[in-house]
Amino acid sequence: MNPFIGPLYAIKGFNLIRRPGLRRYVLIPLLVNIVLFSAAIWLVASQFDAWMAQLLPQGYEWLEWLLWPLLAAAMLLLMFYSFTLVANLICAPFNDLLAEQVERELTGRVQGEETSLMQALRDSPKTLWNELGKLSYFLVRAIPLLILFLIPGLNLLAPFLWIAFSASLLAKEYFDYPMANHGYSFEQQREILKQHRIGSLSFGASVMVLTMIPVVNFMVMPLAVAGATALYLERIQK
């Protein structure tokens, strides 16, 4: 897959969630995203200047023109990505259902038995447990990167590493929904995505950019679930 495949499938995800047959599966994830991202935008707007003053390293004033946008992007990613994890934790049962219905929309069938809304709700403890497992995987890798932001000198590299890290984790987060519906464990999913590294990172980076755009980020979660499902079915599935 080429590096431009990610933006194409992000656009396809947006077009998919607008289809009449899928709109009702988008409603709850959309409402949760609106509430959480509104809170994130308010928090960033109220604390942005104070955070930037703390993050800019002393003695590097001559690099401020370069560091300011990088640190600002990294901080926004950290904040919005944190809220994205919370949104996915809350909406995991509905995202599984949305991925299943996107598959039906694209192929006319689903893997295994079709899940009803009540069944998705009954399975929510198992789904939430799986989400907590993913969250622990992410946190173990995120904490060392966050510590870099506090170390003078090394925090010059932190924004670049955090941006790459966020793209990778967002790809893993959203490909999990269609791939889990096909019976793949999280470990198996990571191995498959390694074989499609450029395409999956391209998609994760596209979602990452959309996450930082106000108003657009309200739609990111259902859009990303739909786009990842389409990309998996059409380009990755063997």
Protein backbone atom coordinates (compact mmCIF):
# COMPACT_ATOMS: atom_id res chain seq x y z
CA MET A 1 0.00 0.00 0.00
CA ASN A 2 1.22 3.49 -0.80
CA PRO A 3 1.49 6.28 1.79
CA PHE A 4 -1.52 8.13 0.33
CA ILE A 5 -3.91 5.28 1.04
CA GLY A 6 -4.61 6.55 4.58
CA PRO A 7 -6.18 9.89 3.60
CA LEU A 8 -8.22 8.18 0.88
CA TYR A 9 -9.76 5.76 3.37
CA ALA A 10 -10.30 8.50 5.95
CA ILE A 11 -12.41 10.25 3.30
CA LYS A 12 -14.12 6.96 2.48
CA GLY A 13 -14.93 6.51 6.18
CA PHE A 14 -16.60 9.92 6.23
CA ASN A 15 -18.67 9.03 3.15
CA LEU A 16 -19.65 5.67 4.66
CA ILE A 17 -21.01 7.04 7.94
CA ARG A 18 -23.30 9.35 5.96
CA ARG A 19 -25.09 6.42 4.31
CA PRO A 20 -28.70 5.99 5.50
CA GLY A 21 -28.13 2.37 6.55
CA LEU A 22 -25.26 3.28 8.88
CA ARG A 23 -26.37 6.56 10.41
CA ARG A 24 -28.13 5.01 13.41
CA TYR A 25 -24.95 3.10 14.34
CA VAL A 26 -23.00 6.36 14.32
CA LEU A 27 -25.28 8.33 16.67
CA ILE A 28 -23.98 7.18 20.08
CA PRO A 29 -20.24 7.34 19.19
CA LEU A 30 -20.86 10.77 17.67
CA LEU A 31 -22.62 12.10 20.78
CA VAL A 32 -19.90 10.76 23.10
CA ASN A 33 -17.22 12.32 20.90
CA ILE A 34 -18.99 15.70 20.89
CA VAL A 35 -19.16 15.77 24.70
CA LEU A 36 -15.57 14.63 25.30
CA PHE A 37 -13.92 16.72 22.60
CA SER A 38 -15.85 19.80 23.67
CA ALA A 39 -14.34 19.28 27.12
CA ALA A 40 -10.88 18.77 25.59
CA ILE A 41 -11.13 21.94 23.50
CA TRP A 42 -12.20 23.96 26.56
CA LEU A 43 -9.31 22.54 28.61
CA VAL A 44 -6.73 23.25 25.92
CA ALA A 45 -8.05 26.78 25.34
CA SER A 46 -7.94 27.62 29.04
CA GLN A 47 -4.53 26.09 29.86
CA PHE A 48 -2.59 26.32 26.58
CA ASP A 49 -0.36 29.31 27.40
CA ALA A 50 0.58 27.97 30.85
CA TRP A 51 1.47 24.54 29.47
CA MET A 52 3.58 26.00 26.65
CA ALA A 53 5.51 28.18 29.11
CA GLN A 54 6.40 25.07 31.12
CA LEU A 55 7.30 22.91 28.12
CA LEU A 56 9.64 25.34 26.30
CA PRO A 57 13.14 24.44 27.55
CA GLN A 58 15.32 27.13 29.15
CA GLY A 59 18.37 28.14 27.16
CA TYR A 60 16.86 27.34 23.77
CA GLU A 61 15.16 30.68 23.14
CA TRP A 62 16.88 30.92 19.75
CA LEU A 63 15.04 27.75 18.70
CA GLU A 64 11.65 28.91 19.96
CA TRP A 65 10.39 29.59 16.42
CA LEU A 66 10.88 25.88 15.66
CA LEU A 67 10.07 24.37 19.06
CA TRP A 68 6.83 26.25 19.66
CA PRO A 69 4.82 24.68 16.79
CA LEU A 70 6.31 21.22 17.44
CA LEU A 71 5.56 21.32 21.16
CA ALA A 72 2.12 22.78 20.49
CA ALA A 73 1.32 19.95 18.07
CA ALA A 74 2.62 17.34 20.49
CA MET A 75 0.63 18.83 23.39
CA LEU A 76 -2.56 18.94 21.34
CA LEU A 77 -1.98 15.34 20.28
CA LEU A 78 -1.43 14.27 23.87
CA MET A 79 -4.61 15.97 25.04
CA PHE A 80 -6.86 14.89 22.18
CA TYR A 81 -5.40 11.39 22.08
CA SER A 82 -6.12 10.98 25.79
CA PHE A 83 -9.74 11.97 25.20
CA THR A 84 -9.84 9.64 22.18
CA LEU A 85 -8.84 6.71 24.39
CA VAL A 86 -11.61 7.56 26.85
CA ALA A 87 -14.15 7.89 24.03
CA ASN A 88 -13.14 4.52 22.58
CA LEU A 89 -13.34 2.91 26.00
CA ILE A 90 -16.92 4.16 26.44
CA CYS A 91 -18.02 3.41 22.87
CA ALA A 92 -16.21 0.10 22.28
CA PRO A 93 -19.43 -2.01 22.05
CA PHE A 94 -20.96 0.45 19.59
CA ASN A 95 -17.76 0.66 17.54
CA ASP A 96 -17.72 -3.14 17.21
CA LEU A 97 -21.30 -2.97 15.98
CA LEU A 98 -20.50 -0.12 13.58
CA ALA A 99 -17.56 -2.06 12.09
CA GLU A 100 -19.84 -5.05 11.59
CA GLN A 101 -22.48 -2.98 9.83
CA VAL A 102 -19.89 -1.26 7.62
CA GLU A 103 -18.76 -4.74 6.57
CA ARG A 104 -22.35 -5.65 5.73
CA GLU A 105 -22.73 -2.41 3.77
CA LEU A 106 -19.58 -3.11 1.73
CA THR A 107 -19.78 -6.87 1.24
CA GLY A 108 -23.42 -7.82 1.89
CA ARG A 109 -22.44 -10.16 4.72
CA VAL A 110 -20.80 -10.20 8.14
CA GLN A 111 -18.27 -12.51 9.74
CA GLY A 112 -20.14 -15.00 11.93
CA GLU A 113 -23.54 -14.20 13.40
CA GLU A 114 -24.83 -10.67 13.12
CA THR A 115 -24.78 -8.79 16.42
CA SER A 116 -27.82 -6.91 17.67
CA LEU A 117 -27.60 -3.79 19.81
CA MET A 118 -28.78 -5.73 22.87
CA GLN A 119 -26.16 -8.41 22.25
CA ALA A 120 -23.48 -5.74 21.93
CA LEU A 121 -24.58 -4.29 25.27
CA ARG A 122 -24.57 -7.73 26.90
CA ASP A 123 -21.05 -8.31 25.60
CA SER A 124 -19.88 -4.90 26.80
CA PRO A 125 -18.00 -6.20 29.92
CA LYS A 126 -15.85 -8.43 27.70
CA THR A 127 -15.39 -5.61 25.19
CA LEU A 128 -14.40 -3.16 27.92
CA TRP A 129 -11.93 -5.69 29.34
CA ASN A 130 -10.30 -5.96 25.91
CA GLU A 131 -10.16 -2.17 25.69
CA LEU A 132 -8.45 -1.99 29.08
CA GLY A 133 -5.89 -4.51 27.81
CA LYS A 134 -5.17 -2.25 24.83
CA LEU A 135 -5.00 0.76 27.13
CA SER A 136 -2.34 -0.91 29.29
CA TYR A 137 -0.35 -1.74 26.13
CA PHE A 138 -0.49 1.90 25.08
CA LEU A 139 0.36 3.32 28.52
CA VAL A 140 3.45 1.14 28.96
CA ARG A 141 4.83 2.68 25.76
CA ALA A 142 3.51 6.20 26.26
CA ILE A 143 4.92 6.88 29.74
CA PRO A 144 8.62 6.78 28.69
CA LEU A 145 7.84 9.20 25.85
CA LEU A 146 6.02 11.56 28.21
CA ILE A 147 9.02 11.53 30.56
CA LEU A 148 11.19 12.77 27.67
CA PHE A 149 9.17 16.00 27.63
CA LEU A 150 10.52 16.72 31.14
CA ILE A 151 14.22 16.17 30.36
CA PRO A 152 16.02 19.27 29.03
CA GLY A 153 17.69 18.59 25.72
CA LEU A 154 15.94 15.28 25.15
CA ASN A 155 12.61 17.08 25.05
CA LEU A 156 13.71 18.44 21.67
CA LEU A 157 13.16 14.94 20.27
CA ALA A 158 9.97 14.25 22.21
CA PRO A 159 7.50 15.95 19.79
CA PHE A 160 8.80 13.97 16.79
CA LEU A 161 8.63 10.68 18.69
CA TRP A 162 5.18 11.44 20.09
CA ILE A 163 3.75 12.25 16.66
CA ALA A 164 5.06 8.96 15.19
CA PHE A 165 3.87 7.07 18.27
CA SER A 166 0.37 8.57 18.06
CA ALA A 167 -0.02 7.62 14.39
CA SER A 168 0.97 4.03 15.17
CA LEU A 169 -1.35 3.68 18.15
CA LEU A 170 -4.34 5.24 16.41
CA ALA A 171 -3.90 2.73 13.59
CA LYS A 172 -3.85 -0.16 16.10
CA GLU A 173 -6.85 1.28 17.94
CA TYR A 174 -9.16 1.51 14.94
CA PHE A 175 -8.06 -1.55 13.00
CA ASP A 176 -8.84 -3.56 16.11
CA TYR A 177 -12.60 -3.26 15.53
CA PRO A 178 -12.87 -4.98 12.12
CA MET A 179 -10.02 -7.39 12.83
CA ALA A 180 -11.43 -8.47 16.20
CA ASN A 181 -14.74 -9.15 14.44
CA HIS A 182 -12.78 -11.59 12.27
CA GLY A 183 -11.39 -13.39 15.30
CA TYR A 184 -7.88 -11.90 15.45
CA SER A 185 -6.36 -11.27 18.86
CA PHE A 186 -4.60 -7.97 19.52
CA GLU A 187 -1.21 -9.71 19.20
CA GLN A 188 -2.19 -11.21 15.82
CA GLN A 189 -3.44 -7.83 14.65
CA ARG A 190 -0.08 -6.22 15.39
CA GLU A 191 1.72 -8.86 13.34
CA ILE A 192 -0.63 -8.35 10.38
CA LEU A 193 -0.27 -4.55 10.54
CA LYS A 194 3.52 -4.91 10.50
CA GLN A 195 3.14 -6.46 7.05
CA HIS A 196 1.19 -3.38 5.96
CA ARG A 197 3.17 -0.81 7.93
CA ILE A 198 3.09 2.05 5.42
CA GLY A 199 -0.64 1.84 4.76
CA SER A 200 -1.61 1.44 8.41
CA LEU A 201 0.66 4.29 9.56
CA SER A 202 -0.69 6.46 6.75
CA PHE A 203 -4.21 5.83 8.01
CA GLY A 204 -3.22 6.45 11.64
CA ALA A 205 -1.52 9.72 10.68
CA SER A 206 -4.63 10.83 8.78
CA VAL A 207 -6.81 10.16 11.82
CA MET A 208 -4.28 11.97 14.00
CA VAL A 209 -4.50 15.12 11.86
CA LEU A 210 -8.30 15.02 11.89
CA THR A 211 -8.25 14.63 15.67
CA MET A 212 -6.60 18.05 16.02
CA ILE A 213 -9.13 19.91 13.85
CA PRO A 214 -11.95 21.45 15.95
CA VAL A 215 -15.47 20.32 14.99
CA VAL A 216 -14.04 17.74 12.57
CA ASN A 217 -12.73 15.81 15.57
CA PHE A 218 -16.32 15.32 16.73
CA MET A 219 -16.73 12.84 13.85
CA VAL A 220 -13.31 11.22 14.05
CA MET A 221 -14.23 8.07 15.98
CA PRO A 222 -17.07 6.74 13.76
CA LEU A 223 -15.24 7.98 10.65
CA ALA A 224 -12.06 6.13 11.67
CA VAL A 225 -13.92 2.91 12.52
CA ALA A 226 -15.64 2.95 9.12
CA GLY A 227 -12.45 3.86 7.24
CA ALA A 228 -10.35 1.22 9.01
CA THR A 229 -13.00 -1.42 8.30
CA ALA A 230 -13.06 -0.55 4.60
CA LEU A 231 -9.26 -0.50 4.40
CA TYR A 232 -8.98 -3.87 6.15
CA LEU A 233 -11.58 -5.52 3.91
CA GLU A 234 -10.29 -4.11 0.64
CA ARG A 235 -6.51 -3.95 1.10
CA ILE A 236 -5.37 -6.09 4.03
CA GLN A 237 -7.69 -9.08 4.37
CA LYS A 238 -6.30 -12.20 2.71
